[in-house]
Structure formats: structure tokens, C-alpha cells
Amino acid sequence: MTMSELEKQFYYAMLEICSTAEKECNYRPARFKQMIANEGGVATAKKLIGSATPSDGFVQLWEHGRLDLTAEALVLNPQFQSLFCPEERDIALNRLRAYGYVVEYE
């Protein structure tokens, strides 16, 4: 399956949040990176959002005060919202809010 240009941009944005987490939080999201490599960015985000509980990485980033580096936050970026259905965006929004994150865009 070929990725659309927007899906490619999302893929690279997911890798960028990994890189930023490594540099700024000294957090190494190895499993997250492996999921992105194996399943792609969009499928990884959908899997994480579809989980009943936040991922370990989400919790680690919350502990560092960097929920902006989560897949949930990236899903809500206006540039990428069309890749996700309203229910997925609502789940991402509610999860972020539950952890005290102020979402810049909705």
C-alpha cells in the first residue's frame, strides 16, 4: 500500500516527536519507533488511541511534562486531523485533557 503525501508527513512527524523526546527528555521510545517502522505512523497512532489506557510512553512523557510529544497531540494537529475520524480525535482530546494538557487546537 502506498502512503499519501499527508500520511508520509505524519510518519515523519511521528519520528520527529521520537527524536525530540530523546533529546529533550532523555526518553528513548524504542517500542514506539519500532511500531512506526513496522506499521506506519497512522496505524501506530490509531492503535495507541484505540487502547483503553494510555501507553507507557504517554505516561513517561506526561511525567516529563511533554504531552505535546505524544501521538495523541499529533493527531489533533490541524494538519493531520483528516487522517483520523472524529471519534479518534475525541479519544485523543479526552485523554490529553484527563492528564491536564491544554490542547492548543480542537
N, C-alpha and C. Protein backbone atom coordinates (compact mmCIF):
# COMPACT_ATOMS: atom_id res chain seq x y z
N MET A 1 0.85 -1.17 0.00
CA MET A 1 0.00 0.00 0.00
C MET A 1 0.89 1.24 0.00
N THR A 2 0.58 2.17 -0.84
CA THR A 2 1.36 3.40 -0.88
C THR A 2 0.73 4.43 0.06
N MET A 3 1.59 5.23 0.62
CA MET A 3 1.12 6.28 1.52
C MET A 3 0.84 7.54 0.74
N SER A 4 -0.20 8.24 1.15
CA SER A 4 -0.46 9.56 0.58
C SER A 4 0.61 10.52 1.09
N GLU A 5 0.69 11.66 0.47
CA GLU A 5 1.67 12.66 0.91
C GLU A 5 1.42 13.06 2.36
N LEU A 6 0.15 13.20 2.74
CA LEU A 6 -0.18 13.57 4.12
C LEU A 6 0.23 12.46 5.09
N GLU A 7 0.01 11.22 4.71
CA GLU A 7 0.43 10.10 5.57
C GLU A 7 1.94 10.07 5.73
N LYS A 8 2.67 10.40 4.67
CA LYS A 8 4.14 10.48 4.76
C LYS A 8 4.55 11.59 5.73
N GLN A 9 3.88 12.72 5.61
CA GLN A 9 4.20 13.83 6.51
C GLN A 9 3.93 13.44 7.96
N PHE A 10 2.83 12.72 8.20
CA PHE A 10 2.51 12.26 9.54
C PHE A 10 3.56 11.27 10.03
N TYR A 11 3.97 10.36 9.18
CA TYR A 11 5.01 9.38 9.51
C TYR A 11 6.27 10.09 10.00
N TYR A 12 6.72 11.09 9.23
CA TYR A 12 7.92 11.82 9.61
C TYR A 12 7.71 12.67 10.86
N ALA A 13 6.51 13.17 11.05
CA ALA A 13 6.21 13.93 12.27
C ALA A 13 6.25 13.01 13.49
N MET A 14 5.79 11.77 13.33
CA MET A 14 5.87 10.80 14.43
C MET A 14 7.33 10.52 14.78
N LEU A 15 8.17 10.35 13.76
CA LEU A 15 9.60 10.13 14.02
C LEU A 15 10.23 11.35 14.68
N GLU A 16 9.77 12.52 14.30
CA GLU A 16 10.31 13.76 14.88
C GLU A 16 9.98 13.87 16.37
N ILE A 17 8.77 13.46 16.77
CA ILE A 17 8.47 13.52 18.20
C ILE A 17 9.32 12.52 18.97
N CYS A 18 9.69 11.41 18.34
CA CYS A 18 10.62 10.46 18.97
C CYS A 18 11.97 11.12 19.20
N SER A 19 12.46 11.76 18.17
CA SER A 19 13.76 12.42 18.24
C SER A 19 13.77 13.52 19.31
N THR A 20 12.71 14.30 19.34
CA THR A 20 12.61 15.37 20.34
C THR A 20 12.54 14.81 21.75
N ALA A 21 11.80 13.72 21.94
CA ALA A 21 11.71 13.09 23.26
C ALA A 21 13.08 12.59 23.71
N GLU A 22 13.85 12.06 22.78
CA GLU A 22 15.19 11.58 23.11
C GLU A 22 16.09 12.74 23.53
N LYS A 23 16.05 13.82 22.76
CA LYS A 23 16.92 14.96 23.01
C LYS A 23 16.52 15.75 24.25
N GLU A 24 15.23 16.02 24.39
CA GLU A 24 14.78 16.94 25.42
C GLU A 24 14.35 16.28 26.72
N CYS A 25 14.01 15.00 26.67
CA CYS A 25 13.51 14.32 27.87
C CYS A 25 14.39 13.14 28.28
N ASN A 26 15.42 12.89 27.49
CA ASN A 26 16.27 11.72 27.71
C ASN A 26 15.42 10.45 27.80
N TYR A 27 14.38 10.39 26.97
CA TYR A 27 13.48 9.26 26.91
C TYR A 27 13.66 8.58 25.56
N ARG A 28 13.91 7.29 25.58
CA ARG A 28 14.15 6.53 24.36
C ARG A 28 12.93 5.66 24.02
N PRO A 29 12.08 6.15 23.13
CA PRO A 29 10.85 5.41 22.80
C PRO A 29 11.09 4.30 21.77
N ALA A 30 11.88 3.30 22.14
CA ALA A 30 12.28 2.25 21.20
C ALA A 30 11.07 1.48 20.67
N ARG A 31 10.17 1.10 21.53
CA ARG A 31 8.99 0.33 21.10
C ARG A 31 8.11 1.16 20.17
N PHE A 32 7.95 2.43 20.48
CA PHE A 32 7.17 3.35 19.66
C PHE A 32 7.79 3.46 18.27
N LYS A 33 9.11 3.63 18.20
CA LYS A 33 9.80 3.72 16.92
C LYS A 33 9.65 2.43 16.12
N GLN A 34 9.71 1.31 16.81
CA GLN A 34 9.55 0.02 16.14
C GLN A 34 8.14 -0.11 15.56
N MET A 35 7.14 0.32 16.31
CA MET A 35 5.76 0.29 15.82
C MET A 35 5.62 1.16 14.57
N ILE A 36 6.20 2.33 14.59
CA ILE A 36 6.12 3.23 13.44
C ILE A 36 6.78 2.59 12.23
N ALA A 37 7.95 1.99 12.43
CA ALA A 37 8.67 1.35 11.32
C ALA A 37 7.89 0.17 10.76
N ASN A 38 7.26 -0.61 11.63
CA ASN A 38 6.55 -1.81 11.20
C ASN A 38 5.16 -1.54 10.65
N GLU A 39 4.45 -0.59 11.26
CA GLU A 39 3.04 -0.40 10.94
C GLU A 39 2.72 0.92 10.26
N GLY A 40 3.66 1.84 10.30
CA GLY A 40 3.42 3.17 9.75
C GLY A 40 2.93 4.11 10.83
N GLY A 41 2.99 5.39 10.55
CA GLY A 41 2.62 6.39 11.54
C GLY A 41 1.14 6.42 11.88
N VAL A 42 0.31 6.40 10.85
CA VAL A 42 -1.14 6.50 11.08
C VAL A 42 -1.64 5.27 11.83
N ALA A 43 -1.24 4.08 11.39
CA ALA A 43 -1.69 2.84 12.04
C ALA A 43 -1.22 2.79 13.49
N THR A 44 -0.02 3.26 13.74
CA THR A 44 0.50 3.29 15.11
C THR A 44 -0.34 4.22 15.97
N ALA A 45 -0.62 5.41 15.46
CA ALA A 45 -1.43 6.37 16.22
C ALA A 45 -2.81 5.80 16.50
N LYS A 46 -3.42 5.18 15.49
CA LYS A 46 -4.75 4.60 15.67
C LYS A 46 -4.74 3.49 16.72
N LYS A 47 -3.69 2.69 16.73
CA LYS A 47 -3.57 1.61 17.71
C LYS A 47 -3.43 2.19 19.12
N LEU A 48 -2.60 3.21 19.27
CA LEU A 48 -2.40 3.82 20.58
C LEU A 48 -3.67 4.49 21.08
N ILE A 49 -4.35 5.18 20.20
CA ILE A 49 -5.59 5.85 20.57
C ILE A 49 -6.67 4.83 20.92
N GLY A 50 -6.68 3.73 20.20
CA GLY A 50 -7.69 2.69 20.41
C GLY A 50 -7.52 1.89 21.68
N SER A 51 -6.39 2.04 22.32
CA SER A 51 -6.15 1.33 23.58
C SER A 51 -6.98 1.97 24.70
N ALA A 52 -7.49 1.12 25.58
CA ALA A 52 -8.32 1.61 26.68
C ALA A 52 -7.54 2.47 27.66
N THR A 53 -6.24 2.26 27.73
CA THR A 53 -5.40 3.01 28.66
C THR A 53 -4.25 3.67 27.90
N PRO A 54 -3.73 4.75 28.44
CA PRO A 54 -2.59 5.39 27.79
C PRO A 54 -1.38 4.45 27.76
N SER A 55 -0.57 4.60 26.75
CA SER A 55 0.65 3.79 26.63
C SER A 55 1.66 4.18 27.71
N ASP A 56 2.62 3.31 27.93
CA ASP A 56 3.69 3.62 28.87
C ASP A 56 4.43 4.88 28.44
N GLY A 57 4.62 5.02 27.13
CA GLY A 57 5.30 6.21 26.62
C GLY A 57 4.52 7.48 26.90
N PHE A 58 3.21 7.42 26.77
CA PHE A 58 2.36 8.57 27.09
C PHE A 58 2.58 8.97 28.54
N VAL A 59 2.57 7.99 29.43
CA VAL A 59 2.75 8.27 30.86
C VAL A 59 4.14 8.84 31.12
N GLN A 60 5.15 8.28 30.47
CA GLN A 60 6.51 8.81 30.65
C GLN A 60 6.60 10.27 30.19
N LEU A 61 6.00 10.55 29.06
CA LEU A 61 6.03 11.93 28.56
C LEU A 61 5.22 12.86 29.46
N TRP A 62 4.14 12.37 30.02
CA TRP A 62 3.37 13.15 30.99
C TRP A 62 4.24 13.47 32.21
N GLU A 63 5.00 12.48 32.68
CA GLU A 63 5.89 12.69 33.82
C GLU A 63 6.95 13.74 33.53
N HIS A 64 7.32 13.88 32.25
CA HIS A 64 8.29 14.89 31.84
C HIS A 64 7.62 16.22 31.48
N GLY A 65 6.29 16.27 31.59
CA GLY A 65 5.58 17.48 31.23
C GLY A 65 5.60 17.76 29.74
N ARG A 66 5.65 16.68 28.92
CA ARG A 66 5.76 16.85 27.48
C ARG A 66 4.71 16.07 26.70
N LEU A 67 3.46 16.23 27.09
CA LEU A 67 2.39 15.56 26.34
C LEU A 67 2.27 16.08 24.91
N ASP A 68 2.93 17.19 24.63
CA ASP A 68 2.96 17.69 23.25
C ASP A 68 3.72 16.74 22.33
N LEU A 69 4.47 15.81 22.91
CA LEU A 69 5.25 14.85 22.12
C LEU A 69 4.56 13.50 21.99
N THR A 70 3.27 13.45 22.24
CA THR A 70 2.53 12.20 22.13
C THR A 70 1.83 12.09 20.77
N ALA A 71 1.53 10.86 20.41
CA ALA A 71 0.75 10.63 19.19
C ALA A 71 -0.60 11.31 19.30
N GLU A 72 -1.17 11.30 20.51
CA GLU A 72 -2.48 11.93 20.72
C GLU A 72 -2.44 13.41 20.35
N ALA A 73 -1.40 14.09 20.76
CA ALA A 73 -1.28 15.52 20.44
C ALA A 73 -1.10 15.72 18.94
N LEU A 74 -0.34 14.85 18.30
CA LEU A 74 -0.10 14.98 16.87
C LEU A 74 -1.38 14.73 16.07
N VAL A 75 -2.20 13.82 16.54
CA VAL A 75 -3.48 13.52 15.89
C VAL A 75 -4.36 14.77 15.86
N LEU A 76 -4.26 15.61 16.87
CA LEU A 76 -5.10 16.81 16.96
C LEU A 76 -4.55 18.00 16.18
N ASN A 77 -3.34 17.87 15.67
CA ASN A 77 -2.76 18.93 14.86
C ASN A 77 -3.64 19.12 13.63
N PRO A 78 -4.10 20.34 13.37
CA PRO A 78 -5.00 20.57 12.24
C PRO A 78 -4.47 20.02 10.91
N GLN A 79 -3.18 20.01 10.75
CA GLN A 79 -2.57 19.49 9.52
C GLN A 79 -2.92 18.02 9.29
N PHE A 80 -3.11 17.26 10.38
CA PHE A 80 -3.29 15.81 10.26
C PHE A 80 -4.68 15.31 10.64
N GLN A 81 -5.55 16.19 11.05
CA GLN A 81 -6.86 15.75 11.54
C GLN A 81 -7.65 14.93 10.53
N SER A 82 -7.47 15.19 9.26
CA SER A 82 -8.25 14.46 8.25
C SER A 82 -7.87 12.98 8.16
N LEU A 83 -6.76 12.60 8.75
CA LEU A 83 -6.33 11.20 8.75
C LEU A 83 -7.08 10.36 9.79
N PHE A 84 -7.82 11.04 10.66
CA PHE A 84 -8.47 10.36 11.79
C PHE A 84 -9.94 10.74 11.85
N CYS A 85 -10.75 9.77 12.25
CA CYS A 85 -12.19 10.03 12.35
C CYS A 85 -12.48 10.87 13.60
N PRO A 86 -13.65 11.50 13.67
CA PRO A 86 -14.00 12.33 14.82
C PRO A 86 -13.89 11.57 16.15
N GLU A 87 -14.27 10.31 16.18
CA GLU A 87 -14.19 9.53 17.42
C GLU A 87 -12.75 9.38 17.89
N GLU A 88 -11.83 9.13 16.94
CA GLU A 88 -10.42 9.00 17.31
C GLU A 88 -9.87 10.32 17.84
N ARG A 89 -10.26 11.41 17.20
CA ARG A 89 -9.81 12.72 17.68
C ARG A 89 -10.38 13.02 19.05
N ASP A 90 -11.63 12.64 19.30
CA ASP A 90 -12.25 12.85 20.62
C ASP A 90 -11.52 12.06 21.70
N ILE A 91 -11.18 10.82 21.40
CA ILE A 91 -10.45 9.99 22.36
C ILE A 91 -9.11 10.65 22.69
N ALA A 92 -8.39 11.09 21.65
CA ALA A 92 -7.10 11.74 21.86
C ALA A 92 -7.27 13.00 22.71
N LEU A 93 -8.26 13.80 22.39
CA LEU A 93 -8.52 15.04 23.13
C LEU A 93 -8.86 14.75 24.59
N ASN A 94 -9.74 13.81 24.81
CA ASN A 94 -10.14 13.50 26.18
C ASN A 94 -9.00 12.91 27.00
N ARG A 95 -8.17 12.09 26.38
CA ARG A 95 -7.02 11.52 27.09
C ARG A 95 -6.05 12.63 27.50
N LEU A 96 -5.76 13.51 26.58
CA LEU A 96 -4.85 14.62 26.89
C LEU A 96 -5.42 15.51 28.00
N ARG A 97 -6.70 15.83 27.89
CA ARG A 97 -7.33 16.67 28.92
C ARG A 97 -7.32 15.98 30.28
N ALA A 98 -7.53 14.66 30.29
CA ALA A 98 -7.55 13.91 31.55
C ALA A 98 -6.20 13.99 32.27
N TYR A 99 -5.15 14.22 31.52
CA TYR A 99 -3.82 14.33 32.11
C TYR A 99 -3.38 15.79 32.25
N GLY A 100 -4.34 16.70 32.11
CA GLY A 100 -4.07 18.11 32.38
C GLY A 100 -3.43 18.89 31.25
N TYR A 101 -3.42 18.31 30.07
CA TYR A 101 -2.81 19.01 28.94
C TYR A 101 -3.81 19.97 28.32
N VAL A 102 -3.39 21.18 28.11
CA VAL A 102 -4.23 22.18 27.45
C VAL A 102 -3.99 22.06 25.96
N VAL A 103 -5.00 21.65 25.24
CA VAL A 103 -4.89 21.44 23.81
C VAL A 103 -4.98 22.77 23.08
N GLU A 104 -4.00 23.04 22.24
CA GLU A 104 -3.94 24.31 21.52
C GLU A 104 -5.01 24.42 20.45
N TYR A 105 -5.32 23.31 19.83
CA TYR A 105 -6.32 23.33 18.75
C TYR A 105 -7.26 22.17 18.93
N GLU A 106 -8.50 22.41 18.56
CA GLU A 106 -9.52 21.37 18.67
C GLU A 106 -10.36 21.35 17.42
